[in-house]
Amino acid sequence: EEIIYTLNELKKNGIIRAIGLSNDTCWGVMKFLEKLKDYKNLSLASIQNEYSLMCRLFDYDFNELALNENIPLLAYSPLARGLLTGKYLNGNIPKGSRLSRDEKIKKIRNEKSDLAVKDYCDLAKKFSIDPVHMALAFCNQRPFMGSVIFGATDMTQLERILKGLELKLNNEILECIKVLHKKHPLTF
């Protein structure tokens, strides 16, 4: 309550325009929304949680909340910390890559995640799509999506991402993605 009161004062004084939550649970957001009812000029503009082809926890209950309460998702890690690029397949660890220096990604990369990445990369290849473009387009096409937050460590990566900005996945590939999600529901 103290945080919401302070946020309301900041908005009244023109210091902030909107508020959002990050890494919260559906229950946590509902409790936050309950408290916001006492503040007419303050609303929740977004929720920022992890979301990708390989991390779709948002689909299980949050999607309903996001749509019904008009709280769009700002998805981070849409490439599953780089796994969905395919660059780590077959035991590859490119010099300077996140896997070579980040303990978090080392915790999520395992035999199951490698199998899922291989299947998603094979699917992209079958449809002649860059796996990066497929992963980002999938996230972007979700009905609750506000924005897809990607990272690029150099211009080559940024240029690769930007080339697929306008991609829209057709129903055939979306159906194939559903099949793969059932096969690989949660790999980390």
Protein backbone atom coordinates (compact mmCIF):
# COMPACT_ATOMS: atom_id res chain seq x y z
CA GLU A 1 0.00 0.00 0.00
CA GLU A 2 2.85 2.37 0.80
CA ILE A 3 4.40 1.74 -2.63
CA ILE A 4 1.13 2.36 -4.44
CA TYR A 5 0.49 5.53 -2.43
CA THR A 6 3.98 6.80 -3.35
CA LEU A 7 3.51 5.89 -7.02
CA ASN A 8 0.20 7.77 -7.03
CA GLU A 9 1.90 10.85 -5.56
CA LEU A 10 4.64 10.63 -8.20
CA LYS A 11 2.03 10.45 -10.95
CA LYS A 12 0.08 13.41 -9.49
CA ASN A 13 3.31 15.43 -9.51
CA GLY A 14 4.01 14.51 -13.13
CA ILE A 15 7.15 12.53 -12.33
CA ILE A 16 5.85 9.26 -13.77
CA ARG A 17 3.23 8.52 -16.41
CA ALA A 18 2.63 4.81 -15.90
CA ILE A 19 3.57 1.86 -13.72
CA GLY A 20 4.32 -1.76 -14.46
CA LEU A 21 5.33 -4.92 -12.67
CA SER A 22 8.10 -7.36 -13.46
CA ASN A 23 8.68 -11.02 -12.63
CA ASP A 24 5.44 -11.26 -10.73
CA THR A 25 2.90 -14.03 -10.42
CA CYS A 26 -0.70 -13.94 -11.55
CA TRP A 27 -1.82 -13.94 -7.91
CA GLY A 28 0.60 -11.11 -7.09
CA VAL A 29 -0.74 -8.97 -9.93
CA MET A 30 -4.33 -9.61 -8.82
CA LYS A 31 -3.47 -8.48 -5.27
CA PHE A 32 -1.78 -5.38 -6.72
CA LEU A 33 -4.87 -4.64 -8.83
CA GLU A 34 -7.08 -4.93 -5.73
CA LYS A 35 -5.05 -2.22 -4.02
CA LEU A 36 -5.08 -0.02 -7.13
CA LYS A 37 -8.89 0.21 -7.01
CA ASP A 38 -8.52 2.88 -4.32
CA TYR A 39 -6.57 5.11 -6.72
CA LYS A 40 -8.65 6.43 -9.62
CA ASN A 41 -5.79 7.88 -11.67
CA LEU A 42 -3.37 4.99 -11.32
CA SER A 43 -3.47 1.82 -13.37
CA LEU A 44 -1.13 -0.98 -14.29
CA ALA A 45 0.29 -0.37 -17.76
CA SER A 46 2.27 -3.59 -18.23
CA ILE A 47 3.81 -6.73 -16.83
CA GLN A 48 7.36 -7.67 -17.78
CA ASN A 49 8.01 -11.41 -17.55
CA GLU A 50 10.08 -13.95 -19.42
CA TYR A 51 8.38 -15.37 -22.50
CA SER A 52 9.63 -17.44 -25.44
CA LEU A 53 8.87 -20.59 -27.41
CA MET A 54 10.60 -22.45 -24.57
CA CYS A 55 9.26 -20.51 -21.59
CA ARG A 56 5.52 -20.14 -21.90
CA LEU A 57 4.42 -20.02 -18.27
CA PHE A 58 2.50 -16.83 -19.12
CA ASP A 59 0.16 -18.93 -21.28
CA TYR A 60 -1.15 -20.97 -18.37
CA ASP A 61 -3.03 -18.28 -16.47
CA PHE A 62 -1.46 -14.89 -17.00
CA ASN A 63 -2.70 -14.63 -20.58
CA GLU A 64 -6.29 -14.47 -19.35
CA LEU A 65 -5.46 -11.81 -16.80
CA ALA A 66 -3.46 -9.78 -19.34
CA LEU A 67 -6.29 -9.81 -21.87
CA ASN A 68 -9.18 -9.24 -19.47
CA GLU A 69 -7.46 -6.54 -17.43
CA ASN A 70 -5.73 -4.92 -20.45
CA ILE A 71 -2.22 -5.39 -19.05
CA PRO A 72 0.08 -6.18 -21.97
CA LEU A 73 3.16 -8.34 -21.56
CA LEU A 74 6.60 -6.89 -22.17
CA ALA A 75 8.33 -10.17 -22.95
CA TYR A 76 11.97 -10.47 -22.09
CA SER A 77 14.32 -13.23 -23.22
CA PRO A 78 12.24 -14.14 -26.31
CA LEU A 79 15.25 -16.05 -27.65
CA ALA A 80 15.59 -18.03 -24.39
CA ARG A 81 18.87 -16.32 -23.52
CA GLY A 82 20.17 -17.04 -27.01
CA LEU A 83 19.34 -20.75 -27.06
CA LEU A 84 16.75 -20.32 -29.81
CA THR A 85 19.34 -18.87 -32.17
CA GLY A 86 20.68 -22.39 -32.52
CA LYS A 87 24.26 -21.25 -31.94
CA TYR A 88 24.73 -23.58 -28.96
CA LEU A 89 23.62 -26.76 -30.73
CA ASN A 90 26.02 -29.72 -30.88
CA GLY A 91 27.89 -28.50 -27.81
CA ASN A 92 29.01 -25.24 -29.42
CA ILE A 93 29.98 -22.42 -27.10
CA PRO A 94 31.04 -19.47 -29.27
CA LYS A 95 33.75 -17.27 -27.78
CA GLY A 96 32.26 -14.25 -26.01
CA SER A 97 28.72 -15.70 -26.14
CA ARG A 98 26.40 -15.56 -23.17
CA LEU A 99 26.90 -19.28 -22.53
CA SER A 100 30.63 -18.71 -22.19
CA ARG A 101 30.14 -16.15 -19.41
CA ASP A 102 26.64 -16.30 -17.85
CA GLU A 103 25.79 -18.77 -15.10
CA LYS A 104 22.02 -18.35 -15.61
CA ILE A 105 22.09 -19.76 -19.12
CA LYS A 106 24.27 -22.64 -17.98
CA LYS A 107 21.45 -23.60 -15.60
CA ILE A 108 18.79 -23.73 -18.31
CA ARG A 109 20.82 -25.45 -21.02
CA ASN A 110 20.43 -29.19 -20.73
CA GLU A 111 19.64 -32.23 -22.84
CA LYS A 112 15.91 -31.39 -22.92
CA SER A 113 16.48 -27.79 -23.92
CA ASP A 114 18.94 -28.83 -26.64
CA LEU A 115 16.33 -31.21 -28.10
CA ALA A 116 13.70 -28.47 -28.08
CA VAL A 117 16.05 -25.97 -29.72
CA LYS A 118 16.97 -28.48 -32.40
CA ASP A 119 13.29 -29.14 -33.14
CA TYR A 120 12.47 -25.42 -33.31
CA CYS A 121 15.48 -24.75 -35.56
CA ASP A 122 14.48 -27.67 -37.81
CA LEU A 123 10.95 -26.27 -38.02
CA ALA A 124 12.27 -22.85 -39.02
CA LYS A 125 14.47 -24.48 -41.66
CA LYS A 126 11.49 -26.47 -43.01
CA PHE A 127 9.67 -23.17 -43.61
CA SER A 128 12.81 -21.35 -44.82
CA ILE A 129 12.68 -18.94 -41.87
CA ASP A 130 15.55 -17.79 -39.70
CA PRO A 131 14.97 -19.37 -36.24
CA VAL A 132 15.53 -15.96 -34.63
CA HIS A 133 12.78 -14.44 -36.78
CA MET A 134 10.42 -17.34 -36.02
CA ALA A 135 10.95 -17.05 -32.27
CA LEU A 136 10.43 -13.29 -32.22
CA ALA A 137 7.45 -13.37 -34.59
CA PHE A 138 5.80 -16.05 -32.45
CA CYS A 139 6.08 -13.88 -29.37
CA ASN A 140 4.99 -10.76 -31.22
CA GLN A 141 1.83 -12.45 -32.53
CA ARG A 142 0.54 -13.46 -29.10
CA PRO A 143 -2.73 -11.61 -28.34
CA PHE A 144 -1.51 -10.34 -24.96
CA MET A 145 1.82 -8.99 -26.19
CA GLY A 146 2.72 -5.36 -25.67
CA SER A 147 6.33 -5.56 -26.80
CA VAL A 148 9.09 -8.10 -27.30
CA ILE A 149 12.36 -7.12 -25.64
CA PHE A 150 15.37 -8.57 -27.41
CA GLY A 151 19.06 -8.07 -26.90
CA ALA A 152 21.83 -7.74 -29.41
CA THR A 153 25.48 -7.56 -28.43
CA ASP A 154 26.71 -6.32 -31.80
CA MET A 155 25.49 -4.79 -35.05
CA THR A 156 25.46 -8.16 -36.84
CA GLN A 157 22.97 -9.55 -34.33
CA LEU A 158 20.85 -6.38 -34.48
CA GLU A 159 20.79 -6.42 -38.28
CA ARG A 160 19.77 -10.09 -38.25
CA ILE A 161 16.89 -9.36 -35.87
CA LEU A 162 15.70 -6.32 -37.82
CA LYS A 163 15.50 -8.30 -41.08
CA GLY A 164 12.65 -10.34 -39.62
CA LEU A 165 10.73 -7.50 -38.02
CA GLU A 166 7.74 -7.73 -40.37
CA LEU A 167 7.44 -11.54 -40.34
CA LYS A 168 3.98 -12.96 -39.65
CA LEU A 169 3.75 -16.68 -39.03
CA ASN A 170 0.99 -18.48 -40.92
CA ASN A 171 -1.44 -20.97 -39.39
CA GLU A 172 0.51 -23.97 -40.66
CA ILE A 173 3.69 -23.04 -38.82
CA LEU A 174 1.70 -21.99 -35.72
CA GLU A 175 0.14 -25.45 -35.65
CA CYS A 176 3.60 -27.02 -35.91
CA ILE A 177 4.74 -24.82 -33.00
CA LYS A 178 1.80 -26.12 -30.94
CA VAL A 179 2.93 -29.68 -31.61
CA LEU A 180 6.48 -28.87 -30.56
CA HIS A 181 5.28 -27.12 -27.42
CA LYS A 182 3.37 -30.27 -26.42
CA LYS A 183 6.49 -32.31 -27.10
CA HIS A 184 8.73 -29.87 -25.15
CA PRO A 185 6.45 -28.11 -22.65
CA LEU A 186 9.05 -26.89 -20.18
CA THR A 187 12.70 -27.64 -20.72
CA PHE A 188 14.20 -25.56 -17.92
